[in-house]
């Protein structure tokens, strides 16, 4: 099955399609989250949360949009929320070795 088919099936409530999507994106999505939060346990939790959020909100997904972009924006938003919760003071500090004045939130959003 192709991506569009899996997404369409998930929109109809077929959770087998969710399994297919998780399999398709598991490596890329986990690595993306790990780069954002830097902690494997946090990345794993956010990976699971991302798919729960996808399952909850798939009805709001516009099939005319790029699914990859939508999926990764869901993950990015969860990562930003996580970082604000666990390290609120560190989000406004400059990153070591990065452009002067660039904060972690700015890096996540860009």
PDB file of N, CA and C in Angstrom:
ATOM      1  N   UNK A   1       0.832  -1.194   0.000  1.00  0.00           N
ATOM      2  CA  UNK A   1       0.000   0.000   0.000  1.00  0.00           C
ATOM      3  C   UNK A   1       0.866   1.244   0.000  1.00  0.00           C
ATOM      4  N   UNK A   2       0.385   2.287  -0.610  1.00  0.00           N
ATOM      5  CA  UNK A   2       1.111   3.540  -0.655  1.00  0.00           C
ATOM      6  C   UNK A   2       0.737   4.440   0.503  1.00  0.00           C
ATOM      7  N   UNK A   3       1.481   5.503   0.633  1.00  0.00           N
ATOM      8  CA  UNK A   3       1.264   6.463   1.705  1.00  0.00           C
ATOM      9  C   UNK A   3      -0.150   7.017   1.672  1.00  0.00           C
ATOM     10  N   UNK A   4      -0.609   7.452   0.495  1.00  0.00           N
ATOM     11  CA  UNK A   4      -1.940   8.045   0.388  1.00  0.00           C
ATOM     12  C   UNK A   4      -3.015   7.059   0.821  1.00  0.00           C
ATOM     13  N   UNK A   5      -2.842   5.808   0.440  1.00  0.00           N
ATOM     14  CA  UNK A   5      -3.797   4.774   0.816  1.00  0.00           C
ATOM     15  C   UNK A   5      -3.810   4.565   2.324  1.00  0.00           C
ATOM     16  N   UNK A   6      -2.622   4.512   2.933  1.00  0.00           N
ATOM     17  CA  UNK A   6      -2.540   4.337   4.385  1.00  0.00           C
ATOM     18  C   UNK A   6      -3.203   5.500   5.112  1.00  0.00           C
ATOM     19  N   UNK A   7      -2.932   6.717   4.657  1.00  0.00           N
ATOM     20  CA  UNK A   7      -3.513   7.901   5.287  1.00  0.00           C
ATOM     21  C   UNK A   7      -5.030   7.880   5.126  1.00  0.00           C
ATOM     22  N   UNK A   8      -5.510   7.555   3.945  1.00  0.00           N
ATOM     23  CA  UNK A   8      -6.957   7.490   3.711  1.00  0.00           C
ATOM     24  C   UNK A   8      -7.607   6.433   4.599  1.00  0.00           C
ATOM     25  N   UNK A   9      -6.964   5.285   4.732  1.00  0.00           N
ATOM     26  CA  UNK A   9      -7.515   4.232   5.586  1.00  0.00           C
ATOM     27  C   UNK A   9      -7.531   4.666   7.051  1.00  0.00           C
ATOM     28  N   UNK A  10      -6.485   5.334   7.499  1.00  0.00           N
ATOM     29  CA  UNK A  10      -6.455   5.817   8.876  1.00  0.00           C
ATOM     30  C   UNK A  10      -7.567   6.821   9.103  1.00  0.00           C
ATOM     31  N   UNK A  11      -7.811   7.672   8.123  1.00  0.00           N
ATOM     32  CA  UNK A  11      -8.903   8.656   8.242  1.00  0.00           C
ATOM     33  C   UNK A  11     -10.251   7.967   8.384  1.00  0.00           C
ATOM     34  N   UNK A  12     -10.363   6.765   7.845  1.00  0.00           N
ATOM     35  CA  UNK A  12     -11.613   5.989   7.977  1.00  0.00           C
ATOM     36  C   UNK A  12     -11.640   5.173   9.266  1.00  0.00           C
ATOM     37  N   UNK A  13     -10.582   5.284  10.087  1.00  0.00           N
ATOM     38  CA  UNK A  13     -10.566   4.598  11.366  1.00  0.00           C
ATOM     39  C   UNK A  13      -9.873   3.251  11.376  1.00  0.00           C
ATOM     40  N   UNK A  14      -9.171   2.903  10.312  1.00  0.00           N
ATOM     41  CA  UNK A  14      -8.468   1.621  10.224  1.00  0.00           C
ATOM     42  C   UNK A  14      -7.115   1.733  10.927  1.00  0.00           C
ATOM     43  N   UNK A  15      -7.022   1.140  12.123  1.00  0.00           N
ATOM     44  CA  UNK A  15      -5.790   1.258  12.898  1.00  0.00           C
ATOM     45  C   UNK A  15      -4.653   0.421  12.333  1.00  0.00           C
ATOM     46  N   UNK A  16      -4.952  -0.533  11.444  1.00  0.00           N
ATOM     47  CA  UNK A  16      -3.866  -1.249  10.761  1.00  0.00           C
ATOM     48  C   UNK A  16      -3.061  -0.281   9.903  1.00  0.00           C
ATOM     49  N   UNK A  17      -3.731   0.718   9.379  1.00  0.00           N
ATOM     50  CA  UNK A  17      -3.041   1.732   8.578  1.00  0.00           C
ATOM     51  C   UNK A  17      -2.081   2.532   9.459  1.00  0.00           C
ATOM     52  N   UNK A  18      -2.454   2.742  10.723  1.00  0.00           N
ATOM     53  CA  UNK A  18      -1.562   3.440  11.646  1.00  0.00           C
ATOM     54  C   UNK A  18      -0.276   2.639  11.827  1.00  0.00           C
ATOM     55  N   UNK A  19      -0.406   1.337  11.967  1.00  0.00           N
ATOM     56  CA  UNK A  19       0.769   0.471  12.096  1.00  0.00           C
ATOM     57  C   UNK A  19       1.673   0.606  10.871  1.00  0.00           C
ATOM     58  N   UNK A  20       1.069   0.632   9.696  1.00  0.00           N
ATOM     59  CA  UNK A  20       1.861   0.778   8.467  1.00  0.00           C
ATOM     60  C   UNK A  20       2.581   2.126   8.429  1.00  0.00           C
ATOM     61  N   UNK A  21       1.903   3.183   8.883  1.00  0.00           N
ATOM     62  CA  UNK A  21       2.529   4.506   8.889  1.00  0.00           C
ATOM     63  C   UNK A  21       3.660   4.581   9.912  1.00  0.00           C
ATOM     64  N   UNK A  22       3.448   3.999  11.086  1.00  0.00           N
ATOM     65  CA  UNK A  22       4.502   3.974  12.096  1.00  0.00           C
ATOM     66  C   UNK A  22       5.728   3.274  11.531  1.00  0.00           C
ATOM     67  N   UNK A  23       5.522   2.139  10.892  1.00  0.00           N
ATOM     68  CA  UNK A  23       6.633   1.392  10.294  1.00  0.00           C
ATOM     69  C   UNK A  23       7.349   2.229   9.238  1.00  0.00           C
ATOM     70  N   UNK A  24       6.590   2.915   8.414  1.00  0.00           N
ATOM     71  CA  UNK A  24       7.165   3.724   7.339  1.00  0.00           C
ATOM     72  C   UNK A  24       8.028   4.869   7.879  1.00  0.00           C
ATOM     73  N   UNK A  25       7.602   5.476   8.978  1.00  0.00           N
ATOM     74  CA  UNK A  25       8.261   6.685   9.477  1.00  0.00           C
ATOM     75  C   UNK A  25       9.105   6.475  10.729  1.00  0.00           C
ATOM     76  N   UNK A  26       9.139   5.269  11.280  1.00  0.00           N
ATOM     77  CA  UNK A  26       9.730   5.098  12.609  1.00  0.00           C
ATOM     78  C   UNK A  26      11.168   5.601  12.714  1.00  0.00           C
ATOM     79  N   UNK A  27      12.014   5.276  11.784  1.00  0.00           N
ATOM     80  CA  UNK A  27      13.418   5.692  11.893  1.00  0.00           C
ATOM     81  C   UNK A  27      13.594   7.194  11.722  1.00  0.00           C
ATOM     82  N   UNK A  28      12.991   7.745  10.683  1.00  0.00           N
ATOM     83  CA  UNK A  28      13.141   9.191  10.426  1.00  0.00           C
ATOM     84  C   UNK A  28      12.556  10.030  11.554  1.00  0.00           C
ATOM     85  N   UNK A  29      11.355   9.653  12.004  1.00  0.00           N
ATOM     86  CA  UNK A  29      10.683  10.441  13.032  1.00  0.00           C
ATOM     87  C   UNK A  29      11.429  10.354  14.359  1.00  0.00           C
ATOM     88  N   UNK A  30      11.868   9.176  14.731  1.00  0.00           N
ATOM     89  CA  UNK A  30      12.619   9.035  15.989  1.00  0.00           C
ATOM     90  C   UNK A  30      13.908   9.843  15.933  1.00  0.00           C
ATOM     91  N   UNK A  31      14.660   9.746  14.844  1.00  0.00           N
ATOM     92  CA  UNK A  31      15.913  10.503  14.727  1.00  0.00           C
ATOM     93  C   UNK A  31      15.653  12.009  14.795  1.00  0.00           C
ATOM     94  N   UNK A  32      14.578  12.450  14.156  1.00  0.00           N
ATOM     95  CA  UNK A  32      14.206  13.870  14.188  1.00  0.00           C
ATOM     96  C   UNK A  32      13.947  14.311  15.635  1.00  0.00           C
ATOM     97  N   UNK A  33      13.159  13.534  16.351  1.00  0.00           N
ATOM     98  CA  UNK A  33      12.850  13.880  17.740  1.00  0.00           C
ATOM     99  C   UNK A  33      14.103  13.830  18.617  1.00  0.00           C
ATOM    100  N   UNK A  34      14.953  12.859  18.382  1.00  0.00           N
ATOM    101  CA  UNK A  34      16.185  12.754  19.161  1.00  0.00           C
ATOM    102  C   UNK A  34      17.075  13.981  18.941  1.00  0.00           C
ATOM    103  N   UNK A  35      17.143  14.465  17.710  1.00  0.00           N
ATOM    104  CA  UNK A  35      17.925  15.684  17.445  1.00  0.00           C
ATOM    105  C   UNK A  35      17.343  16.879  18.198  1.00  0.00           C
ATOM    106  N   UNK A  36      16.025  16.918  18.341  1.00  0.00           N
ATOM    107  CA  UNK A  36      15.397  18.060  19.011  1.00  0.00           C
ATOM    108  C   UNK A  36      15.570  18.020  20.524  1.00  0.00           C
ATOM    109  N   UNK A  37      15.381  16.851  21.138  1.00  0.00           N
ATOM    110  CA  UNK A  37      15.370  16.788  22.602  1.00  0.00           C
ATOM    111  C   UNK A  37      16.639  16.205  23.203  1.00  0.00           C
ATOM    112  N   UNK A  38      17.465  15.538  22.404  1.00  0.00           N
ATOM    113  CA  UNK A  38      18.787  15.040  22.797  1.00  0.00           C
ATOM    114  C   UNK A  38      18.788  13.888  23.808  1.00  0.00           C
ATOM    115  N   UNK A  39      17.643  13.448  24.259  1.00  0.00           N
ATOM    116  CA  UNK A  39      17.556  12.360  25.238  1.00  0.00           C
ATOM    117  C   UNK A  39      16.759  11.211  24.633  1.00  0.00           C
ATOM    118  N   UNK A  40      17.359  10.011  24.512  1.00  0.00           N
ATOM    119  CA  UNK A  40      16.641   8.885  23.895  1.00  0.00           C
ATOM    120  C   UNK A  40      15.301   8.558  24.553  1.00  0.00           C
ATOM    121  N   UNK A  41      15.234   8.579  25.871  1.00  0.00           N
ATOM    122  CA  UNK A  41      13.969   8.252  26.545  1.00  0.00           C
ATOM    123  C   UNK A  41      12.899   9.289  26.210  1.00  0.00           C
ATOM    124  N   UNK A  42      13.281  10.566  26.188  1.00  0.00           N
ATOM    125  CA  UNK A  42      12.330  11.619  25.840  1.00  0.00           C
ATOM    126  C   UNK A  42      11.888  11.487  24.384  1.00  0.00           C
ATOM    127  N   UNK A  43      12.831  11.177  23.507  1.00  0.00           N
ATOM    128  CA  UNK A  43      12.499  11.005  22.087  1.00  0.00           C
ATOM    129  C   UNK A  43      11.526   9.842  21.900  1.00  0.00           C
ATOM    130  N   UNK A  44      11.740   8.752  22.636  1.00  0.00           N
ATOM    131  CA  UNK A  44      10.827   7.607  22.539  1.00  0.00           C
ATOM    132  C   UNK A  44       9.432   7.984  23.013  1.00  0.00           C
ATOM    133  N   UNK A  45       9.346   8.704  24.141  1.00  0.00           N
ATOM    134  CA  UNK A  45       8.040   9.141  24.639  1.00  0.00           C
ATOM    135  C   UNK A  45       7.348  10.052  23.637  1.00  0.00           C
ATOM    136  N   UNK A  46       8.089  10.983  23.080  1.00  0.00           N
ATOM    137  CA  UNK A  46       7.512  11.906  22.099  1.00  0.00           C
ATOM    138  C   UNK A  46       7.115  11.191  20.821  1.00  0.00           C
ATOM    139  N   UNK A  47       7.860  10.167  20.444  1.00  0.00           N
ATOM    140  CA  UNK A  47       7.512   9.352  19.280  1.00  0.00           C
ATOM    141  C   UNK A  47       6.122   8.750  19.490  1.00  0.00           C
ATOM    142  N   UNK A  48       5.913   8.139  20.667  1.00  0.00           N
ATOM    143  CA  UNK A  48       4.612   7.539  20.974  1.00  0.00           C
ATOM    144  C   UNK A  48       3.517   8.610  21.022  1.00  0.00           C
ATOM    145  N   UNK A  49       3.809   9.733  21.664  1.00  0.00           N
ATOM    146  CA  UNK A  49       2.828  10.816  21.765  1.00  0.00           C
ATOM    147  C   UNK A  49       2.450  11.351  20.393  1.00  0.00           C
ATOM    148  N   UNK A  50       3.427  11.417  19.506  1.00  0.00           N
ATOM    149  CA  UNK A  50       3.152  11.900  18.149  1.00  0.00           C
ATOM    150  C   UNK A  50       2.121  11.018  17.469  1.00  0.00           C
ATOM    151  N   UNK A  51       2.289   9.703  17.567  1.00  0.00           N
ATOM    152  CA  UNK A  51       1.344   8.805  16.894  1.00  0.00           C
ATOM    153  C   UNK A  51      -0.026   8.802  17.557  1.00  0.00           C
ATOM    154  N   UNK A  52      -0.066   8.995  18.872  1.00  0.00           N
ATOM    155  CA  UNK A  52      -1.366   9.139  19.544  1.00  0.00           C
ATOM    156  C   UNK A  52      -2.057  10.390  19.021  1.00  0.00           C
ATOM    157  N   UNK A  53      -1.300  11.485  18.918  1.00  0.00           N
ATOM    158  CA  UNK A  53      -1.869  12.745  18.427  1.00  0.00           C
ATOM    159  C   UNK A  53      -2.319  12.609  16.977  1.00  0.00           C
ATOM    160  N   UNK A  54      -1.539  11.907  16.158  1.00  0.00           N
ATOM    161  CA  UNK A  54      -1.922  11.679  14.762  1.00  0.00           C
ATOM    162  C   UNK A  54      -3.243  10.920  14.710  1.00  0.00           C
ATOM    163  N   UNK A  55      -3.359   9.864  15.509  1.00  0.00           N
ATOM    164  CA  UNK A  55      -4.597   9.073  15.514  1.00  0.00           C
ATOM    165  C   UNK A  55      -5.787   9.915  15.976  1.00  0.00           C
ATOM    166  N   UNK A  56      -5.563  10.786  16.963  1.00  0.00           N
ATOM    167  CA  UNK A  56      -6.638  11.639  17.481  1.00  0.00           C
ATOM    168  C   UNK A  56      -7.064  12.706  16.471  1.00  0.00           C
ATOM    169  N   UNK A  57      -6.103  13.215  15.711  1.00  0.00           N
ATOM    170  CA  UNK A  57      -6.385  14.393  14.871  1.00  0.00           C
ATOM    171  C   UNK A  57      -6.366  14.118  13.372  1.00  0.00           C
ATOM    172  N   UNK A  58      -6.329  12.865  12.998  1.00  0.00           N
ATOM    173  CA  UNK A  58      -6.246  12.552  11.562  1.00  0.00           C
ATOM    174  C   UNK A  58      -7.441  13.120  10.796  1.00  0.00           C
ATOM    175  N   UNK A  59      -8.567  13.250  11.453  1.00  0.00           N
ATOM    176  CA  UNK A  59      -9.747  13.831  10.800  1.00  0.00           C
ATOM    177  C   UNK A  59      -9.557  15.285  10.417  1.00  0.00           C
ATOM    178  N   UNK A  60      -8.646  15.969  11.093  1.00  0.00           N
ATOM    179  CA  UNK A  60      -8.371  17.380  10.790  1.00  0.00           C
ATOM    180  C   UNK A  60      -7.294  17.541   9.723  1.00  0.00           C
ATOM    181  N   UNK A  61      -6.622  16.440   9.387  1.00  0.00           N
ATOM    182  CA  UNK A  61      -5.578  16.501   8.364  1.00  0.00           C
ATOM    183  C   UNK A  61      -6.219  16.738   6.999  1.00  0.00           C
ATOM    184  N   UNK A  62      -5.674  17.686   6.269  1.00  0.00           N
ATOM    185  CA  UNK A  62      -6.145  17.999   4.917  1.00  0.00           C
ATOM    186  C   UNK A  62      -5.353  17.148   3.924  1.00  0.00           C
ATOM    187  N   UNK A  63      -6.011  16.177   3.261  1.00  0.00           N
ATOM    188  CA  UNK A  63      -5.289  15.295   2.341  1.00  0.00           C
ATOM    189  C   UNK A  63      -4.620  16.022   1.172  1.00  0.00           C
ATOM    190  N   UNK A  64      -4.957  17.275   0.953  1.00  0.00           N
ATOM    191  CA  UNK A  64      -4.299  18.046  -0.097  1.00  0.00           C
ATOM    192  C   UNK A  64      -2.914  18.516   0.333  1.00  0.00           C
ATOM    193  N   UNK A  65      -2.666  18.474   1.650  1.00  0.00           N
ATOM    194  CA  UNK A  65      -1.357  18.874   2.182  1.00  0.00           C
ATOM    195  C   UNK A  65      -0.413  17.684   2.195  1.00  0.00           C
ATOM    196  N   UNK A  66       0.850  17.979   2.364  1.00  0.00           N
ATOM    197  CA  UNK A  66       1.884  16.959   2.445  1.00  0.00           C
ATOM    198  C   UNK A  66       1.809  16.289   3.820  1.00  0.00           C
ATOM    199  N   UNK A  67       1.615  14.960   3.848  1.00  0.00           N
ATOM    200  CA  UNK A  67       1.499  14.242   5.115  1.00  0.00           C
ATOM    201  C   UNK A  67       2.791  14.328   5.918  1.00  0.00           C
ATOM    202  N   UNK A  68       3.944  14.209   5.263  1.00  0.00           N
ATOM    203  CA  UNK A  68       5.227  14.306   5.967  1.00  0.00           C
ATOM    204  C   UNK A  68       5.314  15.620   6.740  1.00  0.00           C
ATOM    205  N   UNK A  69       4.984  16.713   6.091  1.00  0.00           N
ATOM    206  CA  UNK A  69       5.065  18.024   6.730  1.00  0.00           C
ATOM    207  C   UNK A  69       4.123  18.092   7.927  1.00  0.00           C
ATOM    208  N   UNK A  70       2.912  17.564   7.767  1.00  0.00           N
ATOM    209  CA  UNK A  70       1.942  17.574   8.859  1.00  0.00           C
ATOM    210  C   UNK A  70       2.441  16.725  10.025  1.00  0.00           C
ATOM    211  N   UNK A  71       2.903  15.518   9.747  1.00  0.00           N
ATOM    212  CA  UNK A  71       3.401  14.604  10.774  1.00  0.00           C
ATOM    213  C   UNK A  71       4.560  15.228  11.543  1.00  0.00           C
ATOM    214  N   UNK A  72       5.528  15.776  10.822  1.00  0.00           N
ATOM    215  CA  UNK A  72       6.694  16.336  11.491  1.00  0.00           C
ATOM    216  C   UNK A  72       6.363  17.631  12.233  1.00  0.00           C
ATOM    217  N   UNK A  73       5.341  18.359  11.799  1.00  0.00           N
ATOM    218  CA  UNK A  73       4.936  19.543  12.565  1.00  0.00           C
ATOM    219  C   UNK A  73       4.241  19.127  13.860  1.00  0.00           C
ATOM    220  N   UNK A  74       3.484  18.039  13.832  1.00  0.00           N
ATOM    221  CA  UNK A  74       2.890  17.502  15.063  1.00  0.00           C
ATOM    222  C   UNK A  74       4.011  17.128  16.031  1.00  0.00           C
ATOM    223  N   UNK A  75       5.013  16.413  15.544  1.00  0.00           N
ATOM    224  CA  UNK A  75       6.143  15.994  16.377  1.00  0.00           C
ATOM    225  C   UNK A  75       6.909  17.204  16.913  1.00  0.00           C
ATOM    226  N   UNK A  76       7.170  18.182  16.061  1.00  0.00           N
ATOM    227  CA  UNK A  76       7.914  19.373  16.476  1.00  0.00           C
ATOM    228  C   UNK A  76       7.160  20.131  17.568  1.00  0.00           C
ATOM    229  N   UNK A  77       5.852  20.274  17.400  1.00  0.00           N
ATOM    230  CA  UNK A  77       5.061  20.987  18.403  1.00  0.00           C
ATOM    231  C   UNK A  77       5.085  20.263  19.741  1.00  0.00           C
ATOM    232  N   UNK A  78       4.997  18.939  19.713  1.00  0.00           N
ATOM    233  CA  UNK A  78       5.083  18.170  20.957  1.00  0.00           C
ATOM    234  C   UNK A  78       6.463  18.329  21.595  1.00  0.00           C
ATOM    235  N   UNK A  79       7.513  18.343  20.785  1.00  0.00           N
ATOM    236  CA  UNK A  79       8.871  18.515  21.308  1.00  0.00           C
ATOM    237  C   UNK A  79       9.040  19.889  21.940  1.00  0.00           C
ATOM    238  N   UNK A  80       8.520  20.922  21.306  1.00  0.00           N
ATOM    239  CA  UNK A  80       8.597  22.277  21.864  1.00  0.00           C
ATOM    240  C   UNK A  80       7.866  22.328  23.197  1.00  0.00           C
ATOM    241  N   UNK A  81       6.660  21.765  23.256  1.00  0.00           N
ATOM    242  CA  UNK A  81       5.908  21.731  24.514  1.00  0.00           C
ATOM    243  C   UNK A  81       6.692  20.987  25.593  1.00  0.00           C
ATOM    244  N   UNK A  82       7.295  19.875  25.226  1.00  0.00           N
ATOM    245  CA  UNK A  82       8.093  19.083  26.167  1.00  0.00           C
ATOM    246  C   UNK A  82       9.268  19.903  26.692  1.00  0.00           C
ATOM    247  N   UNK A  83      10.001  20.541  25.804  1.00  0.00           N
ATOM    248  CA  UNK A  83      11.158  21.333  26.229  1.00  0.00           C
ATOM    249  C   UNK A  83      10.747  22.513  27.104  1.00  0.00           C
ATOM    250  N   UNK A  84       9.631  23.101  26.828  1.00  0.00           N
ATOM    251  CA  UNK A  84       9.149  24.205  27.671  1.00  0.00           C
ATOM    252  C   UNK A  84       8.800  23.710  29.068  1.00  0.00           C
ATOM    253  N   UNK A  85       8.270  22.492  29.149  1.00  0.00           N
ATOM    254  CA  UNK A  85       7.904  21.918  30.445  1.00  0.00           C
ATOM    255  C   UNK A  85       9.128  21.523  31.260  1.00  0.00           C
ATOM    256  N   UNK A  86      10.077  20.835  30.639  1.00  0.00           N
ATOM    257  CA  UNK A  86      11.195  20.281  31.407  1.00  0.00           C
ATOM    258  C   UNK A  86      12.357  21.242  31.583  1.00  0.00           C
ATOM    259  N   UNK A  87      12.530  22.183  30.675  1.00  0.00           N
ATOM    260  CA  UNK A  87      13.655  23.117  30.779  1.00  0.00           C
ATOM    261  C   UNK A  87      13.229  24.514  30.354  1.00  0.00           C
ATOM    262  N   UNK A  88      12.257  25.074  31.059  1.00  0.00           N
ATOM    263  CA  UNK A  88      11.745  26.381  30.596  1.00  0.00           C
ATOM    264  C   UNK A  88      12.811  27.467  30.561  1.00  0.00           C
ATOM    265  N   UNK A  89      13.741  27.454  31.509  1.00  0.00           N
ATOM    266  CA  UNK A  89      14.758  28.498  31.538  1.00  0.00           C
ATOM    267  C   UNK A  89      15.770  28.348  30.414  1.00  0.00           C
ATOM    268  N   UNK A  90      15.990  27.128  29.952  1.00  0.00           N
ATOM    269  CA  UNK A  90      17.040  26.899  28.960  1.00  0.00           C
ATOM    270  C   UNK A  90      16.612  27.248  27.539  1.00  0.00           C
ATOM    271  N   UNK A  91      15.328  27.413  27.302  1.00  0.00           N
ATOM    272  CA  UNK A  91      14.872  27.684  25.946  1.00  0.00           C
ATOM    273  C   UNK A  91      15.250  29.084  25.463  1.00  0.00           C
ATOM    274  N   UNK A  92      15.491  29.986  26.396  1.00  0.00           N
ATOM    275  CA  UNK A  92      15.843  31.342  26.007  1.00  0.00           C
ATOM    276  C   UNK A  92      17.348  31.610  26.057  1.00  0.00           C
ATOM    277  N   UNK A  93      18.118  30.592  26.436  1.00  0.00           N
ATOM    278  CA  UNK A  93      19.569  30.745  26.484  1.00  0.00           C
ATOM    279  C   UNK A  93      20.157  30.458  25.110  1.00  0.00           C
ATOM    280  N   UNK A  94      21.233  31.169  24.742  1.00  0.00           N
ATOM    281  CA  UNK A  94      21.898  30.872  23.467  1.00  0.00           C
ATOM    282  C   UNK A  94      22.439  29.437  23.469  1.00  0.00           C
ATOM    283  N   UNK A  95      22.471  28.850  22.309  1.00  0.00           N
ATOM    284  CA  UNK A  95      23.020  27.500  22.168  1.00  0.00           C
ATOM    285  C   UNK A  95      24.533  27.557  22.101  1.00  0.00           C
ATOM    286  N   UNK A  96      25.183  26.630  22.766  1.00  0.00           N
ATOM    287  CA  UNK A  96      26.643  26.563  22.703  1.00  0.00           C
ATOM    288  C   UNK A  96      27.065  26.251  21.275  1.00  0.00           C
ATOM    289  N   UNK A  97      27.979  27.034  20.748  1.00  0.00           N
ATOM    290  CA  UNK A  97      28.489  26.797  19.410  1.00  0.00           C
ATOM    291  C   UNK A  97      27.543  27.203  18.287  1.00  0.00           C
ATOM    292  N   UNK A  98      26.481  27.856  18.618  1.00  0.00           N
ATOM    293  CA  UNK A  98      25.516  28.272  17.594  1.00  0.00           C
ATOM    294  C   UNK A  98      25.597  29.782  17.399  1.00  0.00           C
ATOM    295  N   UNK A  99      24.830  30.264  16.484  1.00  0.00           N
ATOM    296  CA  UNK A  99      24.783  31.692  16.180  1.00  0.00           C
ATOM    297  C   UNK A  99      24.404  32.465  17.443  1.00  0.00           C
ATOM    298  N   UNK A 100      25.113  33.527  17.706  1.00  0.00           N
ATOM    299  CA  UNK A 100      24.843  34.361  18.873  1.00  0.00           C
ATOM    300  C   UNK A 100      23.375  34.784  18.877  1.00  0.00           C
ATOM    301  N   UNK A 101      22.720  34.567  19.997  1.00  0.00           N
ATOM    302  CA  UNK A 101      21.330  34.984  20.139  1.00  0.00           C
ATOM    303  C   UNK A 101      20.311  33.966  19.672  1.00  0.00           C
ATOM    304  N   UNK A 102      20.738  32.895  19.018  1.00  0.00           N
ATOM    305  CA  UNK A 102      19.774  31.882  18.582  1.00  0.00           C
ATOM    306  C   UNK A 102      19.403  31.023  19.782  1.00  0.00           C
ATOM    307  N   UNK A 103      18.105  30.904  20.057  1.00  0.00           N
ATOM    308  CA  UNK A 103      17.647  30.103  21.189  1.00  0.00           C
ATOM    309  C   UNK A 103      17.211  28.747  20.697  1.00  0.00           C
ATOM    310  N   UNK A 104      16.999  27.821  21.641  1.00  0.00           N
ATOM    311  CA  UNK A 104      16.554  26.484  21.279  1.00  0.00           C
ATOM    312  C   UNK A 104      15.184  26.532  20.602  1.00  0.00           C
ATOM    313  N   UNK A 105      14.286  27.388  21.089  1.00  0.00           N
ATOM    314  CA  UNK A 105      12.975  27.501  20.458  1.00  0.00           C
ATOM    315  C   UNK A 105      13.113  27.996  19.036  1.00  0.00           C
ATOM    316  N   UNK A 106      13.954  28.988  18.819  1.00  0.00           N
ATOM    317  CA  UNK A 106      14.163  29.511  17.461  1.00  0.00           C
ATOM    318  C   UNK A 106      14.686  28.399  16.550  1.00  0.00           C
ATOM    319  N   UNK A 107      15.577  27.581  17.078  1.00  0.00           N
ATOM    320  CA  UNK A 107      16.132  26.484  16.283  1.00  0.00           C
ATOM    321  C   UNK A 107      15.049  25.463  15.948  1.00  0.00           C
ATOM    322  N   UNK A 108      14.164  25.168  16.898  1.00  0.00           N
ATOM    323  CA  UNK A 108      13.096  24.199  16.654  1.00  0.00           C
ATOM    324  C   UNK A 108      12.106  24.715  15.616  1.00  0.00           C
ATOM    325  N   UNK A 109      11.830  26.009  15.692  1.00  0.00           N
ATOM    326  CA  UNK A 109      10.825  26.592  14.810  1.00  0.00           C
ATOM    327  C   UNK A 109      11.347  26.758  13.397  1.00  0.00           C
ATOM    328  N   UNK A 110      12.649  26.955  13.250  1.00  0.00           N
ATOM    329  CA  UNK A 110      13.198  27.181  11.903  1.00  0.00           C
ATOM    330  C   UNK A 110      13.250  25.926  11.088  1.00  0.00           C
TER     331      UNK A 110
END
